[in-house]
Amino acid sequence: MIVRNIQPADVPVLQAMHEVAGYEFEFPDPAQMEEYLVVEHAGIPIMAAAAKLVPEILLVCAPDKATHALVKFKGLQLLHEELRARLMNKGHAEAIASVPPELERNYGRHLQRHFHWLLSWTTYRIRDWKRGQ
């Protein structure tokens, strides 16, 4: 197996993989990615990874009982609207939000219903590339 840059001939093969897998995310356009790598085995692409820069939003919130639920929800609404406007003004079309587990438990469905947030795949934080850990 080898890792290499994407080639135009790879796109239809990867698009077919994407369709058969039934992924709910849009197929990543190579022209919009900062990096697009393909793993090939016996000359056939078997997987790919595409990287793009997307803002990450981290939320710090008062513990459950410290603030009334409706006050917290209004705060989330205000932050959502302001951050969305600021990030759109900088040319971003999306962001990733890391939400504390207790907030997800209590507000997850509201974030989806009222703000149209999409529950996505499990997110891992990759740190310290130099040490390989």
C-alpha atoms as a PDB file:
ATOM      1  CA  MET A   1       0.000   0.000   0.000  1.00  0.00           C
ATOM      2  CA  ILE A   2       1.096   3.545  -0.650  1.00  0.00           C
ATOM      3  CA  VAL A   3      -0.166   7.018   0.228  1.00  0.00           C
ATOM      4  CA  ARG A   4      -0.160   9.562  -2.572  1.00  0.00           C
ATOM      5  CA  ASN A   5      -1.835  12.773  -3.714  1.00  0.00           C
ATOM      6  CA  ILE A   6      -5.213  12.486  -5.387  1.00  0.00           C
ATOM      7  CA  GLN A   7      -5.263  12.206  -9.167  1.00  0.00           C
ATOM      8  CA  PRO A   8      -8.157  13.066 -11.498  1.00  0.00           C
ATOM      9  CA  ALA A   9      -8.709   9.352 -12.274  1.00  0.00           C
ATOM     10  CA  ASP A  10      -9.289   8.690  -8.542  1.00  0.00           C
ATOM     11  CA  VAL A  11     -12.321  10.961  -8.259  1.00  0.00           C
ATOM     12  CA  PRO A  12     -14.932   8.663  -9.904  1.00  0.00           C
ATOM     13  CA  VAL A  13     -13.646   5.659  -7.913  1.00  0.00           C
ATOM     14  CA  LEU A  14     -13.816   7.578  -4.618  1.00  0.00           C
ATOM     15  CA  GLN A  15     -17.223   9.039  -5.481  1.00  0.00           C
ATOM     16  CA  ALA A  16     -18.537   5.520  -6.083  1.00  0.00           C
ATOM     17  CA  MET A  17     -17.101   4.402  -2.706  1.00  0.00           C
ATOM     18  CA  HIS A  18     -18.764   7.395  -1.062  1.00  0.00           C
ATOM     19  CA  GLU A  19     -22.122   6.584  -2.639  1.00  0.00           C
ATOM     20  CA  VAL A  20     -22.026   2.854  -1.806  1.00  0.00           C
ATOM     21  CA  ALA A  21     -21.032   3.618   1.811  1.00  0.00           C
ATOM     22  CA  GLY A  22     -24.083   5.890   2.148  1.00  0.00           C
ATOM     23  CA  TYR A  23     -22.208   8.670   3.906  1.00  0.00           C
ATOM     24  CA  GLU A  24     -24.452  11.569   4.906  1.00  0.00           C
ATOM     25  CA  PHE A  25     -21.781  14.182   4.189  1.00  0.00           C
ATOM     26  CA  GLU A  26     -21.200  15.637   0.761  1.00  0.00           C
ATOM     27  CA  PHE A  27     -18.327  14.148  -1.263  1.00  0.00           C
ATOM     28  CA  PRO A  28     -15.308  16.412  -0.634  1.00  0.00           C
ATOM     29  CA  ASP A  29     -14.397  18.413  -3.730  1.00  0.00           C
ATOM     30  CA  PRO A  30     -10.630  18.107  -4.327  1.00  0.00           C
ATOM     31  CA  ALA A  31     -10.516  21.745  -5.489  1.00  0.00           C
ATOM     32  CA  GLN A  32     -11.728  22.935  -2.065  1.00  0.00           C
ATOM     33  CA  MET A  33      -9.411  20.820   0.075  1.00  0.00           C
ATOM     34  CA  GLU A  34      -6.064  21.875   1.447  1.00  0.00           C
ATOM     35  CA  GLU A  35      -4.805  18.275   1.347  1.00  0.00           C
ATOM     36  CA  TYR A  36      -6.318  15.250  -0.353  1.00  0.00           C
ATOM     37  CA  LEU A  37      -4.502  11.951   0.018  1.00  0.00           C
ATOM     38  CA  VAL A  38      -5.323   8.511  -1.347  1.00  0.00           C
ATOM     39  CA  VAL A  39      -4.272   5.089  -0.081  1.00  0.00           C
ATOM     40  CA  GLU A  40      -3.760   2.745  -2.974  1.00  0.00           C
ATOM     41  CA  HIS A  41      -3.388  -1.044  -2.912  1.00  0.00           C
ATOM     42  CA  ALA A  42      -2.354  -2.889  -6.081  1.00  0.00           C
ATOM     43  CA  GLY A  43      -3.001   0.289  -8.092  1.00  0.00           C
ATOM     44  CA  ILE A  44      -6.569   0.709  -6.813  1.00  0.00           C
ATOM     45  CA  PRO A  45      -7.655   3.504  -4.443  1.00  0.00           C
ATOM     46  CA  ILE A  46      -9.081   1.959  -1.259  1.00  0.00           C
ATOM     47  CA  MET A  47      -9.556   5.070   0.892  1.00  0.00           C
ATOM     48  CA  ALA A  48      -8.875   8.793   1.001  1.00  0.00           C
ATOM     49  CA  ALA A  49      -8.618  11.631   3.477  1.00  0.00           C
ATOM     50  CA  ALA A  50      -9.394  15.242   2.697  1.00  0.00           C
ATOM     51  CA  ALA A  51      -8.354  18.116   4.961  1.00  0.00           C
ATOM     52  CA  LYS A  52      -9.721  21.638   4.986  1.00  0.00           C
ATOM     53  CA  LEU A  53      -9.537  24.474   7.458  1.00  0.00           C
ATOM     54  CA  VAL A  54     -12.744  24.837   9.473  1.00  0.00           C
ATOM     55  CA  PRO A  55     -13.133  26.975  12.611  1.00  0.00           C
ATOM     56  CA  GLU A  56     -13.503  25.025  15.840  1.00  0.00           C
ATOM     57  CA  ILE A  57     -15.814  26.430  18.484  1.00  0.00           C
ATOM     58  CA  LEU A  58     -15.270  25.517  22.119  1.00  0.00           C
ATOM     59  CA  LEU A  59     -17.982  26.309  24.630  1.00  0.00           C
ATOM     60  CA  VAL A  60     -17.405  27.027  28.294  1.00  0.00           C
ATOM     61  CA  CYS A  61     -20.656  26.980  30.247  1.00  0.00           C
ATOM     62  CA  ALA A  62     -21.734  27.292  33.893  1.00  0.00           C
ATOM     63  CA  PRO A  63     -22.490  23.920  35.536  1.00  0.00           C
ATOM     64  CA  ASP A  64     -26.054  22.520  35.301  1.00  0.00           C
ATOM     65  CA  LYS A  65     -27.545  23.987  38.471  1.00  0.00           C
ATOM     66  CA  ALA A  66     -25.667  27.310  38.421  1.00  0.00           C
ATOM     67  CA  THR A  67     -27.852  28.917  35.730  1.00  0.00           C
ATOM     68  CA  HIS A  68     -31.516  28.380  34.826  1.00  0.00           C
ATOM     69  CA  ALA A  69     -32.018  26.224  31.714  1.00  0.00           C
ATOM     70  CA  LEU A  70     -33.909  28.956  29.807  1.00  0.00           C
ATOM     71  CA  VAL A  71     -31.157  31.481  30.524  1.00  0.00           C
ATOM     72  CA  LYS A  72     -28.556  29.016  29.223  1.00  0.00           C
ATOM     73  CA  PHE A  73     -30.600  28.377  26.098  1.00  0.00           C
ATOM     74  CA  LYS A  74     -30.907  32.130  25.414  1.00  0.00           C
ATOM     75  CA  GLY A  75     -27.140  32.440  25.894  1.00  0.00           C
ATOM     76  CA  LEU A  76     -26.585  29.632  23.381  1.00  0.00           C
ATOM     77  CA  GLN A  77     -28.872  31.402  20.932  1.00  0.00           C
ATOM     78  CA  LEU A  78     -26.996  34.693  21.284  1.00  0.00           C
ATOM     79  CA  LEU A  79     -23.591  33.006  20.898  1.00  0.00           C
ATOM     80  CA  HIS A  80     -24.811  30.989  17.914  1.00  0.00           C
ATOM     81  CA  GLU A  81     -26.099  34.055  16.074  1.00  0.00           C
ATOM     82  CA  GLU A  82     -23.085  36.271  16.810  1.00  0.00           C
ATOM     83  CA  LEU A  83     -20.442  33.629  16.022  1.00  0.00           C
ATOM     84  CA  ARG A  84     -22.267  32.643  12.845  1.00  0.00           C
ATOM     85  CA  ALA A  85     -22.322  36.241  11.633  1.00  0.00           C
ATOM     86  CA  ARG A  86     -18.658  36.843  12.505  1.00  0.00           C
ATOM     87  CA  LEU A  87     -17.440  33.614  10.909  1.00  0.00           C
ATOM     88  CA  MET A  88     -19.526  34.176   7.767  1.00  0.00           C
ATOM     89  CA  ASN A  89     -17.999  37.658   7.466  1.00  0.00           C
ATOM     90  CA  LYS A  90     -14.582  35.964   7.454  1.00  0.00           C
ATOM     91  CA  GLY A  91     -15.679  33.678   4.601  1.00  0.00           C
ATOM     92  CA  HIS A  92     -16.432  30.493   6.548  1.00  0.00           C
ATOM     93  CA  ALA A  93     -19.441  28.421   5.542  1.00  0.00           C
ATOM     94  CA  GLU A  94     -19.264  25.976   8.474  1.00  0.00           C
ATOM     95  CA  ALA A  95     -17.694  25.376  11.862  1.00  0.00           C
ATOM     96  CA  ILE A  96     -17.250  22.488  14.266  1.00  0.00           C
ATOM     97  CA  ALA A  97     -18.517  22.892  17.816  1.00  0.00           C
ATOM     98  CA  SER A  98     -17.179  20.866  20.719  1.00  0.00           C
ATOM     99  CA  VAL A  99     -20.030  20.668  23.223  1.00  0.00           C
ATOM    100  CA  PRO A 100     -19.600  19.386  26.805  1.00  0.00           C
ATOM    101  CA  PRO A 101     -21.410  16.045  27.398  1.00  0.00           C
ATOM    102  CA  GLU A 102     -23.835  17.502  29.945  1.00  0.00           C
ATOM    103  CA  LEU A 103     -24.843  20.231  27.499  1.00  0.00           C
ATOM    104  CA  GLU A 104     -25.320  17.637  24.749  1.00  0.00           C
ATOM    105  CA  ARG A 105     -27.553  15.573  27.055  1.00  0.00           C
ATOM    106  CA  ASN A 106     -29.731  18.539  28.011  1.00  0.00           C
ATOM    107  CA  TYR A 107     -29.686  20.649  24.832  1.00  0.00           C
ATOM    108  CA  GLY A 108     -28.586  18.423  21.929  1.00  0.00           C
ATOM    109  CA  ARG A 109     -31.973  18.090  20.294  1.00  0.00           C
ATOM    110  CA  HIS A 110     -32.616  21.845  20.772  1.00  0.00           C
ATOM    111  CA  LEU A 111     -29.324  22.693  19.055  1.00  0.00           C
ATOM    112  CA  GLN A 112     -30.453  20.582  16.126  1.00  0.00           C
ATOM    113  CA  ARG A 113     -34.050  21.817  15.998  1.00  0.00           C
ATOM    114  CA  HIS A 114     -33.612  25.545  16.680  1.00  0.00           C
ATOM    115  CA  PHE A 115     -30.143  26.264  15.270  1.00  0.00           C
ATOM    116  CA  HIS A 116     -30.009  23.498  12.638  1.00  0.00           C
ATOM    117  CA  TRP A 117     -26.786  22.066  14.030  1.00  0.00           C
ATOM    118  CA  LEU A 118     -25.996  18.663  12.572  1.00  0.00           C
ATOM    119  CA  LEU A 119     -24.932  15.872  14.871  1.00  0.00           C
ATOM    120  CA  SER A 120     -21.813  14.543  13.230  1.00  0.00           C
ATOM    121  CA  TRP A 121     -19.368  11.750  13.701  1.00  0.00           C
ATOM    122  CA  THR A 122     -17.319  11.267  16.819  1.00  0.00           C
ATOM    123  CA  THR A 123     -14.572  13.851  16.922  1.00  0.00           C
ATOM    124  CA  TYR A 124     -11.030  13.164  18.073  1.00  0.00           C
ATOM    125  CA  ARG A 125      -8.531  15.866  18.885  1.00  0.00           C
ATOM    126  CA  ILE A 126      -5.154  15.228  17.254  1.00  0.00           C
ATOM    127  CA  ARG A 127      -2.355  16.974  19.101  1.00  0.00           C
ATOM    128  CA  ASP A 128       1.400  17.107  19.120  1.00  0.00           C
ATOM    129  CA  TRP A 129       2.200  15.830  15.637  1.00  0.00           C
ATOM    130  CA  LYS A 130       5.928  15.962  16.436  1.00  0.00           C
ATOM    131  CA  ARG A 131       5.805  13.225  19.050  1.00  0.00           C
ATOM    132  CA  GLY A 132       3.404  11.039  17.113  1.00  0.00           C
ATOM    133  CA  GLN A 133       1.088  10.668  20.082  1.00  0.00           C
END
